[in-house]
C-alpha atoms as a PDB file:
ATOM      1  CA  UNK A   1     -11.465 -12.379  -7.315  1.00  0.00           C
ATOM      2  CA  UNK A   2     -13.345  -9.580  -9.043  1.00  0.00           C
ATOM      3  CA  UNK A   3     -12.304  -9.561 -12.726  1.00  0.00           C
ATOM      4  CA  UNK A   4     -11.558  -5.842 -12.517  1.00  0.00           C
ATOM      5  CA  UNK A   5      -9.114  -6.473  -9.678  1.00  0.00           C
ATOM      6  CA  UNK A   6      -7.484  -9.238 -11.701  1.00  0.00           C
ATOM      7  CA  UNK A   7      -7.215  -6.952 -14.736  1.00  0.00           C
ATOM      8  CA  UNK A   8      -5.483  -4.300 -12.622  1.00  0.00           C
ATOM      9  CA  UNK A   9      -2.975  -6.819 -11.250  1.00  0.00           C
ATOM     10  CA  UNK A  10      -2.221  -8.050 -14.759  1.00  0.00           C
ATOM     11  CA  UNK A  11      -1.779  -4.490 -16.058  1.00  0.00           C
ATOM     12  CA  UNK A  12       0.714  -3.608 -13.332  1.00  0.00           C
ATOM     13  CA  UNK A  13       2.542  -6.892 -13.771  1.00  0.00           C
ATOM     14  CA  UNK A  14       2.906  -6.424 -17.529  1.00  0.00           C
ATOM     15  CA  UNK A  15       4.250  -2.891 -17.026  1.00  0.00           C
ATOM     16  CA  UNK A  16       6.319  -3.616 -13.905  1.00  0.00           C
ATOM     17  CA  UNK A  17       9.704  -2.623 -15.322  1.00  0.00           C
ATOM     18  CA  UNK A  18       8.396   0.569 -16.965  1.00  0.00           C
ATOM     19  CA  UNK A  19       6.464   1.409 -13.802  1.00  0.00           C
ATOM     20  CA  UNK A  20       9.553   1.021 -11.652  1.00  0.00           C
ATOM     21  CA  UNK A  21      11.567   3.272 -13.950  1.00  0.00           C
ATOM     22  CA  UNK A  22       8.790   5.880 -14.114  1.00  0.00           C
ATOM     23  CA  UNK A  23       8.144   6.219 -10.381  1.00  0.00           C
ATOM     24  CA  UNK A  24      11.290   5.341  -8.428  1.00  0.00           C
ATOM     25  CA  UNK A  25      12.364   8.983  -8.142  1.00  0.00           C
ATOM     26  CA  UNK A  26       8.914  10.172  -7.046  1.00  0.00           C
ATOM     27  CA  UNK A  27       8.247   8.354  -3.807  1.00  0.00           C
ATOM     28  CA  UNK A  28       6.285   9.913  -0.898  1.00  0.00           C
ATOM     29  CA  UNK A  29       9.399  10.542   1.168  1.00  0.00           C
ATOM     30  CA  UNK A  30       7.635  12.775   3.695  1.00  0.00           C
ATOM     31  CA  UNK A  31       5.260   9.884   4.425  1.00  0.00           C
ATOM     32  CA  UNK A  32       8.222   7.503   4.694  1.00  0.00           C
ATOM     33  CA  UNK A  33       9.875   9.791   7.253  1.00  0.00           C
ATOM     34  CA  UNK A  34       6.689  10.150   9.308  1.00  0.00           C
ATOM     35  CA  UNK A  35       6.069   6.400   9.208  1.00  0.00           C
ATOM     36  CA  UNK A  36       9.624   5.579  10.273  1.00  0.00           C
ATOM     37  CA  UNK A  37       9.454   8.007  13.198  1.00  0.00           C
ATOM     38  CA  UNK A  38       6.278   6.365  14.450  1.00  0.00           C
ATOM     39  CA  UNK A  39       7.622   2.837  13.955  1.00  0.00           C
ATOM     40  CA  UNK A  40      11.013   3.527  15.515  1.00  0.00           C
ATOM     41  CA  UNK A  41      14.433   2.656  14.141  1.00  0.00           C
ATOM     42  CA  UNK A  42      14.942  -1.065  13.716  1.00  0.00           C
ATOM     43  CA  UNK A  43      11.234  -1.952  13.594  1.00  0.00           C
ATOM     44  CA  UNK A  44      10.215  -4.767  11.264  1.00  0.00           C
ATOM     45  CA  UNK A  45       7.443  -3.505   9.003  1.00  0.00           C
ATOM     46  CA  UNK A  46       5.225  -4.974   6.289  1.00  0.00           C
ATOM     47  CA  UNK A  47       5.125  -3.469   2.800  1.00  0.00           C
ATOM     48  CA  UNK A  48       1.869  -5.204   1.928  1.00  0.00           C
ATOM     49  CA  UNK A  49       1.583  -4.509  -1.822  1.00  0.00           C
ATOM     50  CA  UNK A  50       5.048  -3.474  -2.847  1.00  0.00           C
ATOM     51  CA  UNK A  51       4.866  -3.848  -6.628  1.00  0.00           C
ATOM     52  CA  UNK A  52       8.448  -3.664  -7.971  1.00  0.00           C
ATOM     53  CA  UNK A  53       9.732  -2.653  -4.499  1.00  0.00           C
ATOM     54  CA  UNK A  54       9.654   1.089  -5.098  1.00  0.00           C
ATOM     55  CA  UNK A  55       9.406   1.861  -1.387  1.00  0.00           C
ATOM     56  CA  UNK A  56      11.714  -0.826   0.016  1.00  0.00           C
ATOM     57  CA  UNK A  57      14.867   1.267  -0.274  1.00  0.00           C
ATOM     58  CA  UNK A  58      13.443   4.498   1.229  1.00  0.00           C
ATOM     59  CA  UNK A  59      11.893   2.558   4.113  1.00  0.00           C
ATOM     60  CA  UNK A  60      15.149   0.681   4.686  1.00  0.00           C
ATOM     61  CA  UNK A  61      17.167   3.894   4.447  1.00  0.00           C
ATOM     62  CA  UNK A  62      14.892   5.343   7.136  1.00  0.00           C
ATOM     63  CA  UNK A  63      16.116   2.637   9.507  1.00  0.00           C
ATOM     64  CA  UNK A  64      13.397   0.001   9.138  1.00  0.00           C
ATOM     65  CA  UNK A  65      13.578  -3.728   8.427  1.00  0.00           C
ATOM     66  CA  UNK A  66      11.194  -4.278   5.499  1.00  0.00           C
ATOM     67  CA  UNK A  67       9.306  -7.451   4.570  1.00  0.00           C
ATOM     68  CA  UNK A  68       7.707  -6.839   1.167  1.00  0.00           C
ATOM     69  CA  UNK A  69       5.458  -8.705  -1.215  1.00  0.00           C
ATOM     70  CA  UNK A  70       2.883  -8.415  -3.953  1.00  0.00           C
ATOM     71  CA  UNK A  71       0.522 -10.613  -5.936  1.00  0.00           C
ATOM     72  CA  UNK A  72       2.143  -9.652  -9.275  1.00  0.00           C
ATOM     73  CA  UNK A  73       4.964 -12.172  -9.968  1.00  0.00           C
ATOM     74  CA  UNK A  74       6.727 -10.135 -12.660  1.00  0.00           C
ATOM     75  CA  UNK A  75       6.875  -7.149 -10.309  1.00  0.00           C
ATOM     76  CA  UNK A  76       8.388  -9.286  -7.577  1.00  0.00           C
ATOM     77  CA  UNK A  77      10.965 -10.741  -9.981  1.00  0.00           C
ATOM     78  CA  UNK A  78      12.097  -7.196 -10.762  1.00  0.00           C
ATOM     79  CA  UNK A  79      12.089  -6.388  -7.052  1.00  0.00           C
ATOM     80  CA  UNK A  80      14.348  -9.374  -6.366  1.00  0.00           C
ATOM     81  CA  UNK A  81      16.950  -8.107  -8.848  1.00  0.00           C
ATOM     82  CA  UNK A  82      17.006  -4.757  -7.035  1.00  0.00           C
ATOM     83  CA  UNK A  83      17.042  -6.204  -3.507  1.00  0.00           C
ATOM     84  CA  UNK A  84      18.459  -9.739  -3.740  1.00  0.00           C
ATOM     85  CA  UNK A  85      19.181 -10.031  -0.007  1.00  0.00           C
ATOM     86  CA  UNK A  86      15.901  -8.566   1.262  1.00  0.00           C
ATOM     87  CA  UNK A  87      12.840 -10.602   2.309  1.00  0.00           C
ATOM     88  CA  UNK A  88      10.512 -10.466  -0.710  1.00  0.00           C
ATOM     89  CA  UNK A  89       7.673 -12.801  -1.670  1.00  0.00           C
ATOM     90  CA  UNK A  90       4.658 -13.259  -3.914  1.00  0.00           C
ATOM     91  CA  UNK A  91       1.480 -13.202  -1.808  1.00  0.00           C
ATOM     92  CA  UNK A  92      -2.133 -12.108  -1.669  1.00  0.00           C
ATOM     93  CA  UNK A  93      -2.346  -9.560   1.142  1.00  0.00           C
ATOM     94  CA  UNK A  94      -5.875 -10.764   1.884  1.00  0.00           C
ATOM     95  CA  UNK A  95      -4.290 -14.020   3.185  1.00  0.00           C
ATOM     96  CA  UNK A  96      -0.857 -13.237   4.536  1.00  0.00           C
ATOM     97  CA  UNK A  97       1.599 -16.016   5.506  1.00  0.00           C
ATOM     98  CA  UNK A  98       2.411 -14.558   8.924  1.00  0.00           C
ATOM     99  CA  UNK A  99       1.400 -15.165  12.506  1.00  0.00           C
ATOM    100  CA  UNK A 100      -0.780 -12.707  14.373  1.00  0.00           C
ATOM    101  CA  UNK A 101       0.924  -9.563  15.676  1.00  0.00           C
ATOM    102  CA  UNK A 102       4.144  -9.999  13.676  1.00  0.00           C
ATOM    103  CA  UNK A 103       4.938  -6.444  12.529  1.00  0.00           C
ATOM    104  CA  UNK A 104       5.795  -3.104  14.064  1.00  0.00           C
ATOM    105  CA  UNK A 105       4.144  -1.190  11.232  1.00  0.00           C
ATOM    106  CA  UNK A 106       2.059  -1.721   8.086  1.00  0.00           C
ATOM    107  CA  UNK A 107       2.809   0.257   4.927  1.00  0.00           C
ATOM    108  CA  UNK A 108       0.045  -0.137   2.312  1.00  0.00           C
ATOM    109  CA  UNK A 109      -0.319   2.922   0.058  1.00  0.00           C
ATOM    110  CA  UNK A 110      -2.473   2.468  -3.068  1.00  0.00           C
ATOM    111  CA  UNK A 111      -3.136  -1.190  -2.183  1.00  0.00           C
ATOM    112  CA  UNK A 112      -6.710  -1.602  -0.957  1.00  0.00           C
ATOM    113  CA  UNK A 113      -7.965   0.691  -3.721  1.00  0.00           C
ATOM    114  CA  UNK A 114      -7.920  -2.192  -6.208  1.00  0.00           C
ATOM    115  CA  UNK A 115     -10.522  -4.177  -4.256  1.00  0.00           C
ATOM    116  CA  UNK A 116     -14.287  -3.713  -4.465  1.00  0.00           C
ATOM    117  CA  UNK A 117     -15.665  -1.642  -1.614  1.00  0.00           C
ATOM    118  CA  UNK A 118     -17.321  -4.711  -0.100  1.00  0.00           C
ATOM    119  CA  UNK A 119     -13.950  -6.457   0.354  1.00  0.00           C
ATOM    120  CA  UNK A 120     -11.929  -3.606   1.807  1.00  0.00           C
ATOM    121  CA  UNK A 121     -12.919  -4.079   5.444  1.00  0.00           C
ATOM    122  CA  UNK A 122     -11.912  -7.744   5.469  1.00  0.00           C
ATOM    123  CA  UNK A 123      -8.631  -7.000   3.667  1.00  0.00           C
ATOM    124  CA  UNK A 124      -7.738  -4.259   6.128  1.00  0.00           C
ATOM    125  CA  UNK A 125      -8.647  -6.698   8.900  1.00  0.00           C
ATOM    126  CA  UNK A 126      -6.018  -9.117   7.578  1.00  0.00           C
ATOM    127  CA  UNK A 127      -3.388  -6.358   7.664  1.00  0.00           C
ATOM    128  CA  UNK A 128      -4.528  -5.556  11.201  1.00  0.00           C
ATOM    129  CA  UNK A 129      -4.207  -9.231  12.183  1.00  0.00           C
ATOM    130  CA  UNK A 130      -0.460  -9.274  11.537  1.00  0.00           C
ATOM    131  CA  UNK A 131       0.076  -5.817  13.048  1.00  0.00           C
ATOM    132  CA  UNK A 132       1.342  -5.757  16.637  1.00  0.00           C
ATOM    133  CA  UNK A 133       2.074  -2.080  17.288  1.00  0.00           C
ATOM    134  CA  UNK A 134       3.172   1.099  15.581  1.00  0.00           C
ATOM    135  CA  UNK A 135       1.819   2.911  12.517  1.00  0.00           C
ATOM    136  CA  UNK A 136      -0.360   1.993   9.585  1.00  0.00           C
ATOM    137  CA  UNK A 137      -0.303   4.030   6.362  1.00  0.00           C
ATOM    138  CA  UNK A 138      -2.816   3.587   3.542  1.00  0.00           C
ATOM    139  CA  UNK A 139      -3.853   5.778   0.629  1.00  0.00           C
ATOM    140  CA  UNK A 140      -6.806   5.960  -1.740  1.00  0.00           C
ATOM    141  CA  UNK A 141      -8.043   8.221  -4.498  1.00  0.00           C
ATOM    142  CA  UNK A 142     -10.761  10.458  -3.063  1.00  0.00           C
ATOM    143  CA  UNK A 143     -14.353   9.978  -4.193  1.00  0.00           C
ATOM    144  CA  UNK A 144     -17.131   7.404  -4.167  1.00  0.00           C
ATOM    145  CA  UNK A 145     -16.641   5.112  -7.157  1.00  0.00           C
ATOM    146  CA  UNK A 146     -16.401   1.328  -6.834  1.00  0.00           C
ATOM    147  CA  UNK A 147     -13.676  -0.131  -9.086  1.00  0.00           C
ATOM    148  CA  UNK A 148     -14.069   2.592 -11.679  1.00  0.00           C
ATOM    149  CA  UNK A 149     -11.542   2.751 -14.546  1.00  0.00           C
ATOM    150  CA  UNK A 150      -8.523   5.018 -14.142  1.00  0.00           C
ATOM    151  CA  UNK A 151      -5.542   5.578 -16.419  1.00  0.00           C
ATOM    152  CA  UNK A 152      -2.351   4.918 -14.482  1.00  0.00           C
ATOM    153  CA  UNK A 153       0.558   5.248 -16.916  1.00  0.00           C
ATOM    154  CA  UNK A 154       2.595   3.322 -17.823  1.00  0.00           C
ATOM    155  CA  UNK A 155       0.308   0.478 -16.688  1.00  0.00           C
ATOM    156  CA  UNK A 156      -2.652   1.819 -18.649  1.00  0.00           C
ATOM    157  CA  UNK A 157      -6.223   1.342 -17.486  1.00  0.00           C
ATOM    158  CA  UNK A 158      -6.719  -0.065 -13.996  1.00  0.00           C
ATOM    159  CA  UNK A 159      -9.745  -0.078 -11.701  1.00  0.00           C
ATOM    160  CA  UNK A 160      -9.874   1.759  -8.378  1.00  0.00           C
ATOM    161  CA  UNK A 161     -12.292   2.221  -5.522  1.00  0.00           C
ATOM    162  CA  UNK A 162     -12.423   5.792  -4.315  1.00  0.00           C
ATOM    163  CA  UNK A 163     -13.272   6.651  -0.709  1.00  0.00           C
ATOM    164  CA  UNK A 164     -14.345   9.723   1.215  1.00  0.00           C
ATOM    165  CA  UNK A 165     -12.455  11.201   4.136  1.00  0.00           C
ATOM    166  CA  UNK A 166     -15.117   9.969   6.577  1.00  0.00           C
ATOM    167  CA  UNK A 167     -15.104   6.496   5.035  1.00  0.00           C
ATOM    168  CA  UNK A 168     -11.347   6.140   5.326  1.00  0.00           C
ATOM    169  CA  UNK A 169     -11.360   7.374   8.904  1.00  0.00           C
ATOM    170  CA  UNK A 170     -14.097   4.854   9.789  1.00  0.00           C
ATOM    171  CA  UNK A 171     -12.202   1.980   8.145  1.00  0.00           C
ATOM    172  CA  UNK A 172      -9.173   2.623  10.339  1.00  0.00           C
ATOM    173  CA  UNK A 173     -11.107   3.279  13.549  1.00  0.00           C
ATOM    174  CA  UNK A 174     -13.178   0.115  13.091  1.00  0.00           C
ATOM    175  CA  UNK A 175      -9.969  -1.951  13.098  1.00  0.00           C
ATOM    176  CA  UNK A 176      -8.921  -0.518  16.441  1.00  0.00           C
ATOM    177  CA  UNK A 177      -6.418   2.039  15.202  1.00  0.00           C
ATOM    178  CA  UNK A 178      -5.983   5.170  17.271  1.00  0.00           C
ATOM    179  CA  UNK A 179      -4.613   8.636  16.517  1.00  0.00           C
ATOM    180  CA  UNK A 180      -6.312   8.341  13.118  1.00  0.00           C
ATOM    181  CA  UNK A 181      -5.671  11.188  10.698  1.00  0.00           C
ATOM    182  CA  UNK A 182      -6.652  11.718   7.066  1.00  0.00           C
ATOM    183  CA  UNK A 183      -5.004  14.283   4.805  1.00  0.00           C
ATOM    184  CA  UNK A 184      -5.683  15.307   1.224  1.00  0.00           C
ATOM    185  CA  UNK A 185      -2.890  15.252  -1.341  1.00  0.00           C
ATOM    186  CA  UNK A 186      -2.539  16.300  -4.956  1.00  0.00           C
ATOM    187  CA  UNK A 187      -2.196  13.575  -7.559  1.00  0.00           C
ATOM    188  CA  UNK A 188       1.527  13.041  -8.325  1.00  0.00           C
ATOM    189  CA  UNK A 189       0.616  12.157 -11.928  1.00  0.00           C
ATOM    190  CA  UNK A 190      -1.385  15.423 -12.240  1.00  0.00           C
ATOM    191  CA  UNK A 191      -4.462  13.695 -13.631  1.00  0.00           C
ATOM    192  CA  UNK A 192      -7.524  15.946 -13.865  1.00  0.00           C
ATOM    193  CA  UNK A 193     -10.079  15.292 -11.148  1.00  0.00           C
ATOM    194  CA  UNK A 194      -7.830  12.963  -9.128  1.00  0.00           C
ATOM    195  CA  UNK A 195      -6.937  13.723  -5.527  1.00  0.00           C
ATOM    196  CA  UNK A 196      -5.570  11.392  -2.882  1.00  0.00           C
ATOM    197  CA  UNK A 197      -6.338  10.714   0.744  1.00  0.00           C
ATOM    198  CA  UNK A 198      -3.512   9.633   3.044  1.00  0.00           C
ATOM    199  CA  UNK A 199      -4.761   7.672   6.036  1.00  0.00           C
ATOM    200  CA  UNK A 200      -2.745   7.214   9.211  1.00  0.00           C
ATOM    201  CA  UNK A 201      -3.411   5.236  12.365  1.00  0.00           C
ATOM    202  CA  UNK A 202      -1.472   3.727  15.198  1.00  0.00           C
ATOM    203  CA  UNK A 203      -1.559   0.689  17.440  1.00  0.00           C
ATOM    204  CA  UNK A 204      -0.297   1.391  20.916  1.00  0.00           C
ATOM    205  CA  UNK A 205       1.705  -1.341  22.630  1.00  0.00           C
END
């Protein structure tokens, strides 16, 4: 693992409780609603890098069955106290413990950004492996840096890979996703010079 990726995981893990308290009211609910419509009520979906389970409740409230996990153990311990009866696990989303074509949707905002650019295609391929049908949602900061430092309070300094609109679209199309769309979004933390790209795709049954 790239040491910058490891440092980011450790930073989020150390700040998991503060991060959950800071962001639980500011979830991308419009994206949750769009994702749930595409997946269909009752679909079982993967929250691939859930952190302290910030999105589990909104996804569940939208009518989805959510299987969530993250590499950060402290974050998952906090998640388990919030959702004791929900399927939660510690995993590396580059090597998921699921059979091919398991899920009816893949939710992975701000997940692949913590990998070096050279690893992103393979990691997205692993998410695609377990994806049977329905939507995929990913997000990245916009730009061209490769694991550049970024302040992400309350976690502090983490490292992120920024992508262009064309690069994100190509990543999704290369994995066989269709109806691919990319939209620009403002940074919810209002950091100067930071904008986000939301990437959508769909697997048709």
